[in-house]
Amino acid sequence: MTAVRVVMVMPPVTALEPSLALDQWPTLTATAEALRCHGEAEPVVICRTNRTESELVRDEVRYVFAPTDRRLVELVLVQRPHVVHLHGLGFTRLIARLGRQLRGAVPIVVQHHGEQLLGWRSAAGHRAVRRFIAGYLFTGAATGQGDALIERGIVRRDARLFEVLESASLVPPPDRGSGPAVELEGDPAILWVGRLVASKEPVLAVEAFALAAAAAERAQLHLLATDRTLEPEVRLAIRASAAVSNRIHLHEGVPRAEMAGWYSAADVYFSTSRREGSNYSLIESLSFGCAPVVSAIAPHRAIVGDLAPLFAPGDAATAAKLLGEATSIDADEVRRHSDTHLTWPVVVEQLLAAYRAVS
């Protein structure tokens, strides 16, 4: 079978020196490397920079940095690709430029990375360029992740939507001994990972745990948080849960390289998010056997599948009930689910299926 020549386009303009820029995009580099290793794809990645044009090779994948959108499109054409894979839905001017130059001879697929695309200008821009897009890649394509974009006319109702996991785990498995060992109190030890922002519902996480903790006297909740926007509200909710406040712990965020220790120490992964592009920490935690208790948003349903029941966003009572039942989920079963559905070979097979379907 002929290898698929795919040009992956990374449109956000970076001011970083190329190797540093790639360090900031681990999902991009991991995806390109997984495609190359598979053997049925020949990926080249073209990125936008405000520096001079340059290129480098990392793990046998060539990365080219273009100083303008016009030059980026020229570089895409030079590669003579079978398919162009553009990361992010928010780049309508670039989509239009690519579409006009490719003239329908090369399909463009666009991958959703959680963008909301708010405002009428965004919707109008997408309506003007959506004829150039051969397909859309979503985590949760089959579970409704594209519905809001379709309702707003950003994505055509007859558009081709493909199920593609945004990422497999970027955290090395525990057998590699990466990062320091972590000890988390609690039986079960419940781990919530994310930013303290409204869409992640950290206050709801505290409230749900408080409800669950009455019947689970040894359970403890660990909030591992980066962005601290809602920290005052979270601490207020902890104080309001006086009977269990000593079992709720708010931790500073840690580098990804140290996350293996946290997942290894946790029994349950808890997410109260109302919106996600996929949810990297959920994917990572499942590879470590953590039982999932997560909100029933489209990407969570796609990632968890039939492994465990989910709760409606905002439903603290059902979240509490599922927290109380989570230890009945076998860790080996969770790891088998991860090994079957959430690996880089799975991501590559999904990508290749989408590329071939539109070519």
Protein backbone atom coordinates (compact mmCIF):
# COMPACT_ATOMS: atom_id res chain seq x y z
CA MET A 1 0.00 0.00 0.00
CA THR A 2 1.32 3.46 -0.91
CA ALA A 3 2.31 5.53 2.11
CA VAL A 4 0.11 8.54 2.72
CA ARG A 5 2.03 11.79 2.32
CA VAL A 6 0.49 14.01 4.97
CA VAL A 7 1.38 17.60 5.70
CA MET A 8 0.40 18.55 9.23
CA VAL A 9 -0.07 22.31 9.63
CA MET A 10 0.40 24.01 13.00
CA PRO A 11 -1.05 27.50 12.43
CA PRO A 12 -0.48 29.39 15.72
CA VAL A 13 2.39 31.84 15.25
CA THR A 14 5.27 31.09 17.59
CA ALA A 15 8.06 33.47 18.62
CA LEU A 16 10.12 30.64 20.07
CA GLU A 17 13.24 29.15 18.54
CA PRO A 18 12.07 26.01 16.65
CA SER A 19 13.33 23.34 19.05
CA LEU A 20 11.79 25.19 21.99
CA ALA A 21 8.53 25.56 20.10
CA LEU A 22 8.37 21.82 19.52
CA ASP A 23 8.96 21.25 23.22
CA GLN A 24 5.74 23.22 23.83
CA TRP A 25 3.76 21.01 21.43
CA PRO A 26 4.23 17.45 22.75
CA THR A 27 0.94 16.21 21.27
CA LEU A 28 1.92 17.44 17.80
CA THR A 29 5.36 15.85 17.91
CA ALA A 30 4.07 12.61 19.43
CA THR A 31 1.38 12.34 16.73
CA ALA A 32 3.85 12.97 13.92
CA GLU A 33 6.33 10.48 15.37
CA ALA A 34 3.59 7.84 15.80
CA LEU A 35 2.55 8.30 12.17
CA ARG A 36 6.14 7.96 10.99
CA CYS A 37 6.74 4.82 13.07
CA HIS A 38 3.60 3.17 11.72
CA GLY A 39 5.16 3.00 8.27
CA GLU A 40 2.05 3.79 6.21
CA ALA A 41 2.39 7.57 6.45
CA GLU A 42 5.08 10.08 5.56
CA PRO A 43 4.45 13.12 7.75
CA VAL A 44 5.93 16.57 7.32
CA VAL A 45 4.97 19.31 9.77
CA ILE A 46 4.80 22.98 8.76
CA CYS A 47 4.52 25.56 11.52
CA ARG A 48 4.08 29.33 11.59
CA THR A 49 6.75 31.51 13.11
CA ASN A 50 7.48 35.22 13.34
CA ARG A 51 11.17 34.41 12.99
CA THR A 52 13.09 33.59 9.81
CA GLU A 53 12.28 30.47 7.80
CA SER A 54 13.99 27.38 9.17
CA GLU A 55 13.66 23.66 9.54
CA LEU A 56 14.85 20.86 11.76
CA VAL A 57 14.47 17.10 12.03
CA ARG A 58 13.35 15.48 15.27
CA ASP A 59 12.87 11.72 15.57
CA GLU A 60 13.16 11.50 11.76
CA VAL A 61 10.23 13.88 11.21
CA ARG A 62 10.91 17.11 9.32
CA TYR A 63 9.52 20.33 10.81
CA VAL A 64 9.53 23.48 8.67
CA PHE A 65 8.85 26.93 10.12
CA ALA A 66 7.29 29.46 7.75
CA PRO A 67 7.43 33.24 8.39
CA THR A 68 4.10 34.05 6.66
CA ASP A 69 0.86 32.31 5.79
CA ARG A 70 1.69 32.78 2.12
CA ARG A 71 5.02 31.03 2.53
CA LEU A 72 3.40 28.29 4.61
CA VAL A 73 1.00 27.52 1.74
CA GLU A 74 3.88 27.50 -0.76
CA LEU A 75 5.71 24.99 1.43
CA VAL A 76 2.61 22.80 1.65
CA LEU A 77 2.35 22.70 -2.15
CA VAL A 78 6.03 21.77 -2.50
CA GLN A 79 5.45 18.60 -0.47
CA ARG A 80 2.87 17.28 -2.99
CA PRO A 81 0.76 15.84 -0.16
CA HIS A 82 -2.07 13.36 -0.40
CA VAL A 83 -3.82 15.14 2.48
CA VAL A 84 -3.36 18.29 4.56
CA HIS A 85 -4.11 17.98 8.27
CA LEU A 86 -4.61 21.37 9.93
CA HIS A 87 -4.63 21.61 13.72
CA GLY A 88 -7.35 23.89 15.09
CA LEU A 89 -10.60 25.28 13.73
CA GLY A 90 -9.91 28.93 14.39
CA PHE A 91 -7.75 29.75 11.34
CA THR A 92 -10.24 30.59 8.62
CA ARG A 93 -7.96 32.90 6.60
CA LEU A 94 -5.33 30.21 6.35
CA ILE A 95 -7.97 27.59 5.46
CA ALA A 96 -9.20 29.89 2.68
CA ARG A 97 -5.68 30.44 1.34
CA LEU A 98 -4.93 26.72 1.39
CA GLY A 99 -8.26 25.86 -0.20
CA ARG A 100 -7.82 28.31 -3.07
CA GLN A 101 -4.30 27.12 -3.82
CA LEU A 102 -5.04 23.40 -3.54
CA ARG A 103 -8.09 23.80 -5.82
CA GLY A 104 -9.75 20.68 -4.48
CA ALA A 105 -6.90 18.45 -5.66
CA VAL A 106 -5.75 17.76 -2.10
CA PRO A 107 -8.25 17.30 0.74
CA ILE A 108 -7.97 19.34 3.92
CA VAL A 109 -8.98 17.83 7.26
CA VAL A 110 -9.24 20.06 10.31
CA GLN A 111 -8.82 18.80 13.86
CA HIS A 112 -10.83 20.20 16.73
CA HIS A 113 -8.77 20.90 19.86
CA GLY A 114 -11.54 22.18 22.11
CA GLU A 115 -12.12 25.53 20.41
CA GLN A 116 -15.47 27.16 21.15
CA LEU A 117 -15.32 29.70 18.27
CA LEU A 118 -17.55 32.25 19.95
CA GLY A 119 -19.04 35.27 18.18
CA TRP A 120 -20.81 35.90 14.90
CA ARG A 121 -17.60 36.80 13.07
CA SER A 122 -16.18 33.37 13.80
CA ALA A 123 -19.32 31.65 12.53
CA ALA A 124 -19.42 33.82 9.42
CA GLY A 125 -15.76 33.12 8.68
CA HIS A 126 -16.30 29.40 8.89
CA ARG A 127 -19.37 29.46 6.70
CA ALA A 128 -17.22 31.17 4.06
CA VAL A 129 -14.47 28.51 4.11
CA ARG A 130 -16.18 25.28 5.09
CA ARG A 131 -16.48 24.27 1.40
CA PHE A 132 -12.70 23.79 1.44
CA ILE A 133 -12.80 21.29 4.35
CA ALA A 134 -13.13 17.61 3.44
CA GLY A 135 -13.50 16.37 7.00
CA TYR A 136 -13.35 17.22 10.68
CA LEU A 137 -11.53 15.24 13.37
CA PHE A 138 -13.08 15.15 16.84
CA THR A 139 -12.60 13.23 20.05
CA GLY A 140 -16.25 12.38 20.50
CA ALA A 141 -17.43 12.71 16.89
CA ALA A 142 -19.93 9.92 17.49
CA THR A 143 -21.04 11.21 20.89
CA GLY A 144 -21.95 14.78 19.99
CA GLN A 145 -18.72 16.77 20.21
CA GLY A 146 -19.48 18.56 16.93
CA ASP A 147 -23.16 19.24 17.64
CA ALA A 148 -22.77 22.82 18.88
CA LEU A 149 -20.61 23.73 15.89
CA ILE A 150 -23.16 22.21 13.51
CA GLU A 151 -26.00 24.11 15.17
CA ARG A 152 -24.13 27.39 14.68
CA GLY A 153 -23.39 26.63 11.04
CA ILE A 154 -19.64 26.47 11.62
CA VAL A 155 -19.68 22.84 10.47
CA ARG A 156 -22.06 21.77 7.69
CA ARG A 157 -24.80 19.33 8.66
CA ASP A 158 -23.65 16.97 5.91
CA ALA A 159 -19.95 17.33 6.78
CA ARG A 160 -17.82 14.24 7.34
CA LEU A 161 -16.89 13.90 11.00
CA PHE A 162 -14.24 11.38 12.03
CA GLU A 163 -13.55 9.89 15.43
CA VAL A 164 -9.90 10.64 16.20
CA LEU A 165 -8.49 10.63 19.71
CA GLU A 166 -6.74 13.96 20.25
CA SER A 167 -3.88 12.29 22.06
CA ALA A 168 -2.80 9.09 23.72
CA SER A 169 -0.95 9.29 27.01
CA LEU A 170 2.05 11.60 27.09
CA VAL A 171 3.10 10.30 30.52
CA PRO A 172 5.61 7.43 30.54
CA PRO A 173 4.20 4.24 32.04
CA PRO A 174 4.98 3.45 35.67
CA ASP A 175 7.39 0.65 34.79
CA ARG A 176 9.83 3.27 33.51
CA GLY A 177 10.09 4.77 36.98
CA SER A 178 9.60 8.34 35.76
CA GLY A 179 9.22 11.13 38.29
CA PRO A 180 9.35 11.01 42.08
CA ALA A 181 7.19 8.62 44.07
CA VAL A 182 4.00 10.15 45.44
CA GLU A 183 1.92 9.06 48.42
CA LEU A 184 -1.72 10.12 48.49
CA GLU A 185 -3.80 9.66 51.61
CA GLY A 186 -7.19 8.08 51.31
CA ASP A 187 -8.95 4.79 50.72
CA PRO A 188 -9.82 5.49 48.02
CA ALA A 189 -7.46 8.31 47.08
CA ILE A 190 -9.45 10.43 44.61
CA LEU A 191 -7.48 12.60 42.17
CA TRP A 192 -8.92 15.63 40.38
CA VAL A 193 -6.57 17.25 37.84
CA GLY A 194 -7.10 20.54 36.06
CA ARG A 195 -7.36 24.29 36.15
CA LEU A 196 -9.42 26.07 38.78
CA VAL A 197 -11.69 27.70 36.21
CA ALA A 198 -15.45 27.72 35.72
CA SER A 199 -15.59 25.17 32.90
CA LYS A 200 -13.79 22.58 35.05
CA GLU A 201 -16.31 22.96 37.93
CA PRO A 202 -13.83 22.55 40.83
CA VAL A 203 -16.39 23.75 43.38
CA LEU A 204 -18.74 21.00 42.24
CA ALA A 205 -15.93 18.49 42.79
CA VAL A 206 -15.66 19.59 46.42
CA GLU A 207 -19.43 19.50 46.90
CA ALA A 208 -19.76 16.03 45.35
CA PHE A 209 -16.94 14.67 47.47
CA ALA A 210 -18.55 16.10 50.61
CA LEU A 211 -21.73 14.18 49.77
CA ALA A 212 -19.82 10.98 49.07
CA ALA A 213 -17.53 11.23 52.08
CA ALA A 214 -20.33 10.73 54.58
CA ALA A 215 -20.54 7.09 53.50
CA ALA A 216 -16.84 6.66 52.68
CA GLU A 217 -15.08 7.59 55.90
CA ARG A 218 -11.55 6.91 54.67
CA ALA A 219 -11.86 8.56 51.22
CA GLN A 220 -9.81 11.68 50.53
CA LEU A 221 -9.91 14.14 47.63
CA HIS A 222 -6.77 15.57 46.07
CA LEU A 223 -7.15 18.56 43.75
CA LEU A 224 -4.03 18.94 41.62
CA ALA A 225 -4.49 22.38 40.09
CA THR A 226 -2.55 24.74 37.84
CA ASP A 227 -4.56 27.87 36.98
CA ARG A 228 -5.80 29.21 40.35
CA THR A 229 -8.51 31.61 39.15
CA LEU A 230 -11.22 30.10 41.35
CA GLU A 231 -8.99 29.24 44.31
CA PRO A 232 -10.90 31.56 46.71
CA GLU A 233 -14.21 29.92 45.75
CA VAL A 234 -12.71 26.44 46.09
CA ARG A 235 -11.27 27.18 49.51
CA LEU A 236 -14.61 28.64 50.59
CA ALA A 237 -16.35 25.43 49.47
CA ILE A 238 -13.81 23.36 51.41
CA ARG A 239 -14.44 25.38 54.57
CA ALA A 240 -18.19 25.03 54.03
CA SER A 241 -17.74 21.25 54.04
CA ALA A 242 -16.53 21.38 57.62
CA ALA A 243 -17.17 17.74 58.45
CA VAL A 244 -14.80 16.54 55.73
CA SER A 245 -12.61 19.59 55.05
CA ASN A 246 -9.57 17.84 56.54
CA ARG A 247 -9.94 15.19 53.83
CA ILE A 248 -9.81 17.64 50.92
CA HIS A 249 -6.36 18.70 49.74
CA LEU A 250 -5.49 21.45 47.26
CA HIS A 251 -2.09 20.82 45.66
CA GLU A 252 0.04 22.93 43.36
CA GLY A 253 0.36 21.70 39.78
CA VAL A 254 3.39 19.61 38.82
CA PRO A 255 5.29 19.11 35.54
CA ARG A 256 3.91 16.41 33.24
CA ALA A 257 7.09 14.39 33.79
CA GLU A 258 6.06 13.95 37.45
CA MET A 259 2.46 12.93 36.80
CA ALA A 260 3.21 9.19 36.74
CA GLY A 261 3.70 9.25 40.50
CA TRP A 262 0.33 10.92 41.06
CA TYR A 263 -1.60 8.55 38.82
CA SER A 264 0.16 5.55 40.38
CA ALA A 265 -0.82 6.74 43.86
CA ALA A 266 -4.48 7.42 43.01
CA ASP A 267 -7.34 4.94 43.04
CA VAL A 268 -9.95 7.12 41.32
CA TYR A 269 -9.71 9.82 38.66
CA PHE A 270 -12.44 12.46 39.06
CA SER A 271 -13.44 15.08 36.47
CA THR A 272 -16.34 17.51 36.74
CA SER A 273 -15.62 19.34 33.47
CA ARG A 274 -18.45 20.86 31.45
CA ARG A 275 -16.27 21.16 28.35
CA GLU A 276 -13.11 19.49 27.05
CA GLY A 277 -11.39 18.98 23.72
CA SER A 278 -10.61 15.45 24.88
CA ASN A 279 -9.09 15.37 28.42
CA TYR A 280 -5.44 14.41 28.51
CA SER A 281 -5.38 13.66 32.23
CA LEU A 282 -8.31 11.26 31.90
CA ILE A 283 -6.51 9.40 29.12
CA GLU A 284 -3.31 9.32 31.15
CA SER A 285 -4.99 8.19 34.37
CA LEU A 286 -6.70 5.25 32.66
CA SER A 287 -3.33 3.96 31.47
CA PHE A 288 -2.41 3.71 35.17
CA GLY A 289 -5.60 1.85 36.10
CA CYS A 290 -7.42 4.68 37.89
CA ALA A 291 -11.19 4.13 38.05
CA PRO A 292 -12.93 6.98 36.17
CA VAL A 293 -15.70 9.07 37.70
CA VAL A 294 -16.28 11.74 35.06
CA SER A 295 -18.94 14.01 33.61
CA ALA A 296 -20.91 12.73 30.63
CA ILE A 297 -19.60 15.20 28.06
CA ALA A 298 -18.97 14.00 24.51
CA PRO A 299 -15.20 13.37 24.69
CA HIS A 300 -15.46 11.65 28.08
CA ARG A 301 -18.09 9.30 26.67
CA ALA A 302 -15.80 8.53 23.73
CA ILE A 303 -12.79 7.90 25.98
CA VAL A 304 -14.50 5.89 28.73
CA GLY A 305 -16.92 3.97 26.51
CA ASP A 306 -18.64 1.18 28.44
CA LEU A 307 -15.96 1.02 31.12
CA ALA A 308 -17.92 2.97 33.75
CA PRO A 309 -21.12 5.00 34.21
CA LEU A 310 -20.88 8.79 33.90
CA PHE A 311 -22.80 11.62 35.55
CA ALA A 312 -24.50 14.60 33.91
CA PRO A 313 -22.49 17.84 34.08
CA GLY A 314 -23.42 19.73 37.24
CA ASP A 315 -25.03 16.71 38.93
CA ALA A 316 -23.25 16.57 42.30
CA ALA A 317 -25.56 13.91 43.75
CA THR A 318 -24.90 11.37 40.98
CA ALA A 319 -21.19 12.21 40.99
CA ALA A 320 -21.15 11.47 44.72
CA LYS A 321 -22.93 8.15 44.17
CA LEU A 322 -20.41 7.12 41.50
CA LEU A 323 -17.49 8.13 43.73
CA GLY A 324 -18.88 5.75 46.33
CA GLU A 325 -19.06 2.92 43.79
CA ALA A 326 -15.80 3.56 41.93
CA THR A 327 -13.68 1.03 43.82
CA SER A 328 -15.77 -1.76 42.29
CA ILE A 329 -14.09 -1.03 38.95
CA ASP A 330 -11.11 -3.34 38.56
CA ALA A 331 -7.80 -1.59 37.85
CA ASP A 332 -6.70 -4.34 35.45
CA GLU A 333 -9.92 -3.89 33.49
CA VAL A 334 -9.20 -0.16 33.26
CA ARG A 335 -5.69 -0.83 31.96
CA ARG A 336 -7.02 -3.32 29.41
CA HIS A 337 -9.49 -0.68 28.20
CA SER A 338 -6.63 1.80 27.86
CA ASP A 339 -4.43 -0.69 26.01
CA THR A 340 -7.25 -1.50 23.59
CA HIS A 341 -8.71 1.93 22.89
CA LEU A 342 -6.36 4.73 23.99
CA THR A 343 -2.88 4.10 22.58
CA TRP A 344 -0.82 5.86 19.94
CA PRO A 345 -1.32 2.98 17.46
CA VAL A 346 -5.06 3.53 17.87
CA VAL A 347 -4.65 7.25 17.19
CA VAL A 348 -2.65 6.48 14.04
CA GLU A 349 -5.21 3.97 12.75
CA GLN A 350 -7.97 6.54 13.27
CA LEU A 351 -5.97 9.20 11.45
CA LEU A 352 -5.12 6.93 8.54
CA ALA A 353 -8.77 5.89 8.21
CA ALA A 354 -9.80 9.55 8.01
CA TYR A 355 -7.03 10.44 5.54
CA ARG A 356 -7.95 7.57 3.24
CA ALA A 357 -11.65 8.28 3.46
CA VAL A 358 -11.23 11.80 2.09
CA SER A 359 -8.47 11.08 -0.43
